[in-house]
Amino acid sequence: MAKFTNSDLANVDLSSMTVAELKNYIRQASDRMVSARNSRYKAVAKSYEYISVITGTKRTYNKATEKYETRLVLGFSKSWMKKGELLKRARLLQGHFRIDVYTRNAKKYRRQVTSKMIEDLYQRTGIRFTEKEFNDFKAVSASIRDIIEKFGSDNVAKMFEYTKTFGGDSVYKTNLGSILRQVYEDSEGLQKRDLVEKAYKYIDWLLGTAS
């Protein structure tokens, strides 16, 4: 089976993979994410935390290090993990690697472009993020990259700002990815305007601000 680099994990075309290839991708991506659990990069650590809640974790013994490690549950033994579910799991993991904060070059590049991206986002949405808030937003965007086109990136930015403003500490910002995915999967066939409206209603319900 192919051996993936971090760049491969972030950019490989998952939709063309067979069941065996998807399982190989998930296994390698899950193994590689062990180091993200205690990452000093907040976006990476939050992404890991978000994904680990969805997949579940287990303690395993690493013979090479002679230590126990916390690893993501692969889920292959579950009967419902057919090709469609494997593809969803692989895309979930790929979103993590697309955050791309592992290399020195990526860190340097991120410094160069972050201020421009924040300004561009402000011009499009009227929302002014701090650098920390923008990194949180990128983590959310990475976790729902496969459906963000349906919602629209501007709408997602506004929802992020909305939860931040009205939710405070009661709702973790990274939960927005889970919220939007749930709304999307429960509302197949809705037009963007109706989908966005339903998302806001669900967020209002979670925040206790529904009228």
C-alpha atoms as a PDB file:
ATOM      1  CA  MET A   1       0.000   0.000   0.000  1.00  0.00           C
ATOM      2  CA  ALA A   2       1.109   3.555  -0.705  1.00  0.00           C
ATOM      3  CA  LYS A   3       3.014   5.409   2.008  1.00  0.00           C
ATOM      4  CA  PHE A   4       1.706   8.951   2.489  1.00  0.00           C
ATOM      5  CA  THR A   5       3.548  12.105   3.477  1.00  0.00           C
ATOM      6  CA  ASN A   6       1.693  14.838   5.380  1.00  0.00           C
ATOM      7  CA  SER A   7       1.353  16.687   2.081  1.00  0.00           C
ATOM      8  CA  ASP A   8      -0.168  13.567   0.483  1.00  0.00           C
ATOM      9  CA  LEU A   9      -2.619  13.189   3.368  1.00  0.00           C
ATOM     10  CA  ALA A  10      -3.737  16.788   2.857  1.00  0.00           C
ATOM     11  CA  ASN A  11      -4.075  16.720  -0.925  1.00  0.00           C
ATOM     12  CA  VAL A  12      -4.678  13.193  -2.248  1.00  0.00           C
ATOM     13  CA  ASP A  13      -7.956  12.640  -4.143  1.00  0.00           C
ATOM     14  CA  LEU A  14     -10.044  10.476  -1.813  1.00  0.00           C
ATOM     15  CA  SER A  15     -13.037  10.130  -4.114  1.00  0.00           C
ATOM     16  CA  SER A  16     -11.124   7.883  -6.538  1.00  0.00           C
ATOM     17  CA  MET A  17      -9.911   5.460  -3.867  1.00  0.00           C
ATOM     18  CA  THR A  18     -11.065   1.877  -3.432  1.00  0.00           C
ATOM     19  CA  VAL A  19     -12.251   0.518  -0.073  1.00  0.00           C
ATOM     20  CA  ALA A  20      -8.792  -0.954   0.610  1.00  0.00           C
ATOM     21  CA  GLU A  21      -7.100   2.335  -0.291  1.00  0.00           C
ATOM     22  CA  LEU A  22      -9.454   4.325   1.940  1.00  0.00           C
ATOM     23  CA  LYS A  23      -8.718   1.994   4.855  1.00  0.00           C
ATOM     24  CA  ASN A  24      -4.990   2.435   4.238  1.00  0.00           C
ATOM     25  CA  TYR A  25      -5.419   6.218   4.160  1.00  0.00           C
ATOM     26  CA  ILE A  26      -7.465   6.238   7.382  1.00  0.00           C
ATOM     27  CA  ARG A  27      -4.947   3.976   9.142  1.00  0.00           C
ATOM     28  CA  GLN A  28      -1.967   6.142   8.189  1.00  0.00           C
ATOM     29  CA  ALA A  29      -3.744   9.439   8.865  1.00  0.00           C
ATOM     30  CA  SER A  30      -4.966   8.208  12.266  1.00  0.00           C
ATOM     31  CA  ASP A  31      -1.475   7.006  13.219  1.00  0.00           C
ATOM     32  CA  ARG A  32       0.088  10.306  12.124  1.00  0.00           C
ATOM     33  CA  MET A  33      -2.393  12.255  14.240  1.00  0.00           C
ATOM     34  CA  VAL A  34      -1.039  10.826  17.511  1.00  0.00           C
ATOM     35  CA  SER A  35       1.455  13.700  17.651  1.00  0.00           C
ATOM     36  CA  ALA A  36      -1.336  16.280  17.213  1.00  0.00           C
ATOM     37  CA  ARG A  37      -2.908  15.403  20.562  1.00  0.00           C
ATOM     38  CA  ASN A  38      -0.448  17.592  22.489  1.00  0.00           C
ATOM     39  CA  SER A  39       0.506  19.943  19.673  1.00  0.00           C
ATOM     40  CA  ARG A  40       1.679  23.424  20.645  1.00  0.00           C
ATOM     41  CA  TYR A  41      -0.345  24.718  17.691  1.00  0.00           C
ATOM     42  CA  LYS A  42      -3.826  25.461  19.019  1.00  0.00           C
ATOM     43  CA  ALA A  43      -5.552  24.918  15.669  1.00  0.00           C
ATOM     44  CA  VAL A  44      -4.013  21.442  15.391  1.00  0.00           C
ATOM     45  CA  ALA A  45      -4.821  20.478  18.976  1.00  0.00           C
ATOM     46  CA  LYS A  46      -8.414  21.694  18.586  1.00  0.00           C
ATOM     47  CA  SER A  47      -8.768  19.832  15.302  1.00  0.00           C
ATOM     48  CA  TYR A  48      -7.544  16.633  16.977  1.00  0.00           C
ATOM     49  CA  GLU A  49      -9.933  17.169  19.891  1.00  0.00           C
ATOM     50  CA  TYR A  50     -12.872  17.658  17.517  1.00  0.00           C
ATOM     51  CA  ILE A  51     -12.041  14.535  15.496  1.00  0.00           C
ATOM     52  CA  SER A  52     -11.331  12.354  18.537  1.00  0.00           C
ATOM     53  CA  VAL A  53     -14.831  13.056  19.887  1.00  0.00           C
ATOM     54  CA  ILE A  54     -16.316  11.779  16.622  1.00  0.00           C
ATOM     55  CA  THR A  55     -14.104   8.707  16.175  1.00  0.00           C
ATOM     56  CA  GLY A  56     -13.478   7.797  19.799  1.00  0.00           C
ATOM     57  CA  THR A  57     -10.054   6.883  21.218  1.00  0.00           C
ATOM     58  CA  LYS A  58      -8.326   3.862  22.704  1.00  0.00           C
ATOM     59  CA  ARG A  59      -5.089   3.150  24.582  1.00  0.00           C
ATOM     60  CA  THR A  60      -2.576   0.944  22.766  1.00  0.00           C
ATOM     61  CA  TYR A  61       0.938  -0.245  23.553  1.00  0.00           C
ATOM     62  CA  ASN A  62       3.712   0.920  21.230  1.00  0.00           C
ATOM     63  CA  LYS A  63       6.459  -1.711  21.130  1.00  0.00           C
ATOM     64  CA  ALA A  64       8.946   0.721  19.598  1.00  0.00           C
ATOM     65  CA  THR A  65       8.661   3.282  22.407  1.00  0.00           C
ATOM     66  CA  GLU A  66       7.552   0.775  25.070  1.00  0.00           C
ATOM     67  CA  LYS A  67       4.830   3.204  26.085  1.00  0.00           C
ATOM     68  CA  TYR A  68       1.051   3.324  25.929  1.00  0.00           C
ATOM     69  CA  GLU A  69      -0.414   5.826  23.476  1.00  0.00           C
ATOM     70  CA  THR A  70      -3.873   7.278  22.908  1.00  0.00           C
ATOM     71  CA  ARG A  71      -4.975   6.563  19.357  1.00  0.00           C
ATOM     72  CA  LEU A  72      -8.065   7.238  17.275  1.00  0.00           C
ATOM     73  CA  VAL A  73     -10.483   4.348  16.795  1.00  0.00           C
ATOM     74  CA  LEU A  74     -10.374   3.222  13.158  1.00  0.00           C
ATOM     75  CA  GLY A  75     -13.859   1.720  13.177  1.00  0.00           C
ATOM     76  CA  PHE A  76     -13.204  -0.910  10.496  1.00  0.00           C
ATOM     77  CA  SER A  77     -14.860  -3.652  12.518  1.00  0.00           C
ATOM     78  CA  LYS A  78     -18.200  -1.848  12.536  1.00  0.00           C
ATOM     79  CA  SER A  79     -20.688  -3.188  10.033  1.00  0.00           C
ATOM     80  CA  TRP A  80     -21.854   0.289   8.979  1.00  0.00           C
ATOM     81  CA  MET A  81     -18.386   1.325   7.787  1.00  0.00           C
ATOM     82  CA  LYS A  82     -19.130   0.757   4.097  1.00  0.00           C
ATOM     83  CA  LYS A  83     -17.358   2.713   1.364  1.00  0.00           C
ATOM     84  CA  GLY A  84     -19.489   5.823   1.858  1.00  0.00           C
ATOM     85  CA  GLU A  85     -18.740   5.897   5.588  1.00  0.00           C
ATOM     86  CA  LEU A  86     -15.056   5.235   4.987  1.00  0.00           C
ATOM     87  CA  LEU A  87     -14.968   8.179   2.588  1.00  0.00           C
ATOM     88  CA  LYS A  88     -16.606  10.442   5.204  1.00  0.00           C
ATOM     89  CA  ARG A  89     -14.054   9.324   7.799  1.00  0.00           C
ATOM     90  CA  ALA A  90     -11.160   9.888   5.382  1.00  0.00           C
ATOM     91  CA  ARG A  91     -12.429  13.391   4.521  1.00  0.00           C
ATOM     92  CA  LEU A  92     -12.755  14.203   8.209  1.00  0.00           C
ATOM     93  CA  LEU A  93      -9.110  13.256   8.751  1.00  0.00           C
ATOM     94  CA  GLN A  94      -7.980  15.040   5.578  1.00  0.00           C
ATOM     95  CA  GLY A  95      -9.472  18.276   6.875  1.00  0.00           C
ATOM     96  CA  HIS A  96      -7.062  18.050   9.805  1.00  0.00           C
ATOM     97  CA  PHE A  97      -3.989  17.717   7.611  1.00  0.00           C
ATOM     98  CA  ARG A  98      -5.085  20.602   5.418  1.00  0.00           C
ATOM     99  CA  ILE A  99      -4.534  22.919   8.367  1.00  0.00           C
ATOM    100  CA  ASP A 100      -0.879  22.399   7.375  1.00  0.00           C
ATOM    101  CA  VAL A 101       1.038  23.769  10.322  1.00  0.00           C
ATOM    102  CA  TYR A 102       3.628  21.019  10.581  1.00  0.00           C
ATOM    103  CA  THR A 103       6.491  22.355   8.484  1.00  0.00           C
ATOM    104  CA  ARG A 104       8.749  25.357   8.987  1.00  0.00           C
ATOM    105  CA  ASN A 105       7.953  26.589   5.480  1.00  0.00           C
ATOM    106  CA  ALA A 106       4.225  26.364   6.175  1.00  0.00           C
ATOM    107  CA  LYS A 107       4.677  28.364   9.363  1.00  0.00           C
ATOM    108  CA  LYS A 108       6.652  31.048   7.521  1.00  0.00           C
ATOM    109  CA  TYR A 109       4.103  31.182   4.714  1.00  0.00           C
ATOM    110  CA  ARG A 110       1.226  31.408   7.196  1.00  0.00           C
ATOM    111  CA  ARG A 111       2.799  34.482   8.798  1.00  0.00           C
ATOM    112  CA  GLN A 112       3.052  36.133   5.402  1.00  0.00           C
ATOM    113  CA  VAL A 113      -0.526  35.514   4.301  1.00  0.00           C
ATOM    114  CA  THR A 114      -2.576  35.597   7.525  1.00  0.00           C
ATOM    115  CA  SER A 115      -2.929  39.371   7.689  1.00  0.00           C
ATOM    116  CA  LYS A 116      -3.955  39.523   4.018  1.00  0.00           C
ATOM    117  CA  MET A 117      -6.516  36.739   4.481  1.00  0.00           C
ATOM    118  CA  ILE A 118      -7.970  38.478   7.547  1.00  0.00           C
ATOM    119  CA  GLU A 119      -8.287  41.697   5.541  1.00  0.00           C
ATOM    120  CA  ASP A 120      -9.858  39.879   2.575  1.00  0.00           C
ATOM    121  CA  LEU A 121     -12.368  38.217   4.887  1.00  0.00           C
ATOM    122  CA  TYR A 122     -13.205  41.586   6.414  1.00  0.00           C
ATOM    123  CA  GLN A 123     -13.780  43.100   2.971  1.00  0.00           C
ATOM    124  CA  ARG A 124     -16.167  40.262   2.032  1.00  0.00           C
ATOM    125  CA  THR A 125     -18.061  39.860   5.300  1.00  0.00           C
ATOM    126  CA  GLY A 126     -17.516  42.974   7.414  1.00  0.00           C
ATOM    127  CA  ILE A 127     -16.163  40.712  10.190  1.00  0.00           C
ATOM    128  CA  ARG A 128     -12.825  41.681  11.729  1.00  0.00           C
ATOM    129  CA  PHE A 129     -11.034  38.689  13.263  1.00  0.00           C
ATOM    130  CA  THR A 130      -8.006  38.738  15.517  1.00  0.00           C
ATOM    131  CA  GLU A 131      -5.240  36.343  14.445  1.00  0.00           C
ATOM    132  CA  LYS A 132      -6.290  33.853  17.137  1.00  0.00           C
ATOM    133  CA  GLU A 133      -9.935  34.013  16.073  1.00  0.00           C
ATOM    134  CA  PHE A 134      -8.922  33.597  12.454  1.00  0.00           C
ATOM    135  CA  ASN A 135      -6.903  30.468  13.304  1.00  0.00           C
ATOM    136  CA  ASP A 136      -9.950  29.108  15.131  1.00  0.00           C
ATOM    137  CA  PHE A 137     -12.043  29.848  12.064  1.00  0.00           C
ATOM    138  CA  LYS A 138      -9.561  28.030   9.826  1.00  0.00           C
ATOM    139  CA  ALA A 139      -9.828  24.966  12.061  1.00  0.00           C
ATOM    140  CA  VAL A 140     -13.610  25.045  11.680  1.00  0.00           C
ATOM    141  CA  SER A 141     -13.313  25.506   7.912  1.00  0.00           C
ATOM    142  CA  ALA A 142     -10.921  22.581   7.632  1.00  0.00           C
ATOM    143  CA  SER A 143     -13.338  20.300   9.450  1.00  0.00           C
ATOM    144  CA  ILE A 144     -16.200  21.024   7.023  1.00  0.00           C
ATOM    145  CA  ARG A 145     -14.246  21.656   3.831  1.00  0.00           C
ATOM    146  CA  ASP A 146     -16.329  19.135   1.904  1.00  0.00           C
ATOM    147  CA  ILE A 147     -19.602  21.013   2.579  1.00  0.00           C
ATOM    148  CA  ILE A 148     -18.408  24.608   2.903  1.00  0.00           C
ATOM    149  CA  GLU A 149     -19.194  25.225  -0.758  1.00  0.00           C
ATOM    150  CA  LYS A 150     -22.861  24.489  -0.075  1.00  0.00           C
ATOM    151  CA  PHE A 151     -23.077  26.942   2.830  1.00  0.00           C
ATOM    152  CA  GLY A 152     -20.754  29.530   1.276  1.00  0.00           C
ATOM    153  CA  SER A 153     -17.540  30.632   2.986  1.00  0.00           C
ATOM    154  CA  ASP A 154     -18.980  34.057   3.844  1.00  0.00           C
ATOM    155  CA  ASN A 155     -21.971  32.445   5.554  1.00  0.00           C
ATOM    156  CA  VAL A 156     -19.692  30.199   7.593  1.00  0.00           C
ATOM    157  CA  ALA A 157     -17.620  33.224   8.678  1.00  0.00           C
ATOM    158  CA  LYS A 158     -20.784  35.014   9.797  1.00  0.00           C
ATOM    159  CA  MET A 159     -22.013  31.955  11.697  1.00  0.00           C
ATOM    160  CA  PHE A 160     -18.631  31.704  13.413  1.00  0.00           C
ATOM    161  CA  GLU A 161     -18.853  35.353  14.468  1.00  0.00           C
ATOM    162  CA  TYR A 162     -22.456  34.811  15.589  1.00  0.00           C
ATOM    163  CA  THR A 163     -21.588  31.898  17.886  1.00  0.00           C
ATOM    164  CA  LYS A 164     -18.602  33.819  19.246  1.00  0.00           C
ATOM    165  CA  THR A 165     -20.700  36.895  19.980  1.00  0.00           C
ATOM    166  CA  PHE A 166     -23.766  35.232  21.486  1.00  0.00           C
ATOM    167  CA  GLY A 167     -22.330  31.960  22.745  1.00  0.00           C
ATOM    168  CA  GLY A 168     -19.264  33.150  24.619  1.00  0.00           C
ATOM    169  CA  ASP A 169     -17.693  30.238  26.494  1.00  0.00           C
ATOM    170  CA  SER A 170     -20.890  28.172  26.388  1.00  0.00           C
ATOM    171  CA  VAL A 171     -20.171  26.856  22.892  1.00  0.00           C
ATOM    172  CA  TYR A 172     -16.703  25.935  21.682  1.00  0.00           C
ATOM    173  CA  LYS A 173     -16.002  27.581  18.338  1.00  0.00           C
ATOM    174  CA  THR A 174     -14.688  24.319  16.905  1.00  0.00           C
ATOM    175  CA  ASN A 175     -18.110  22.765  17.515  1.00  0.00           C
ATOM    176  CA  LEU A 176     -19.435  24.854  14.632  1.00  0.00           C
ATOM    177  CA  GLY A 177     -18.044  22.295  12.180  1.00  0.00           C
ATOM    178  CA  SER A 178     -20.052  19.547  13.852  1.00  0.00           C
ATOM    179  CA  ILE A 179     -23.155  21.755  13.947  1.00  0.00           C
ATOM    180  CA  LEU A 180     -23.014  22.608  10.250  1.00  0.00           C
ATOM    181  CA  ARG A 181     -22.314  19.021   9.255  1.00  0.00           C
ATOM    182  CA  GLN A 182     -25.311  17.789  11.254  1.00  0.00           C
ATOM    183  CA  VAL A 183     -27.602  20.447   9.776  1.00  0.00           C
ATOM    184  CA  TYR A 184     -26.320  19.675   6.284  1.00  0.00           C
ATOM    185  CA  GLU A 185     -26.717  15.904   6.566  1.00  0.00           C
ATOM    186  CA  ASP A 186     -30.214  16.269   8.082  1.00  0.00           C
ATOM    187  CA  SER A 187     -31.328  18.722   5.368  1.00  0.00           C
ATOM    188  CA  GLU A 188     -30.298  17.108   2.097  1.00  0.00           C
ATOM    189  CA  GLY A 189     -31.848  18.854  -0.885  1.00  0.00           C
ATOM    190  CA  LEU A 190     -32.435  22.247   0.742  1.00  0.00           C
ATOM    191  CA  GLN A 191     -31.361  25.378  -1.114  1.00  0.00           C
ATOM    192  CA  LYS A 192     -28.514  27.435   0.393  1.00  0.00           C
ATOM    193  CA  ARG A 193     -30.786  30.143   1.857  1.00  0.00           C
ATOM    194  CA  ASP A 194     -33.004  27.585   3.611  1.00  0.00           C
ATOM    195  CA  LEU A 195     -29.974  25.599   4.758  1.00  0.00           C
ATOM    196  CA  VAL A 196     -28.312  28.677   6.272  1.00  0.00           C
ATOM    197  CA  GLU A 197     -31.575  29.692   7.990  1.00  0.00           C
ATOM    198  CA  LYS A 198     -31.913  26.222   9.499  1.00  0.00           C
ATOM    199  CA  ALA A 199     -28.308  26.380  10.719  1.00  0.00           C
ATOM    200  CA  TYR A 200     -28.951  29.679  12.513  1.00  0.00           C
ATOM    201  CA  LYS A 201     -32.108  28.281  14.119  1.00  0.00           C
ATOM    202  CA  TYR A 202     -30.163  25.254  15.357  1.00  0.00           C
ATOM    203  CA  ILE A 203     -27.382  27.482  16.729  1.00  0.00           C
ATOM    204  CA  ASP A 204     -29.992  29.676  18.449  1.00  0.00           C
ATOM    205  CA  TRP A 205     -31.482  26.575  20.038  1.00  0.00           C
ATOM    206  CA  LEU A 206     -28.074  25.452  21.317  1.00  0.00           C
ATOM    207  CA  LEU A 207     -27.277  28.919  22.685  1.00  0.00           C
ATOM    208  CA  GLY A 208     -30.723  29.341  24.238  1.00  0.00           C
ATOM    209  CA  THR A 209     -31.350  32.483  22.194  1.00  0.00           C
ATOM    210  CA  ALA A 210     -34.244  31.174  20.121  1.00  0.00           C
ATOM    211  CA  SER A 211     -37.303  33.410  20.215  1.00  0.00           C
END
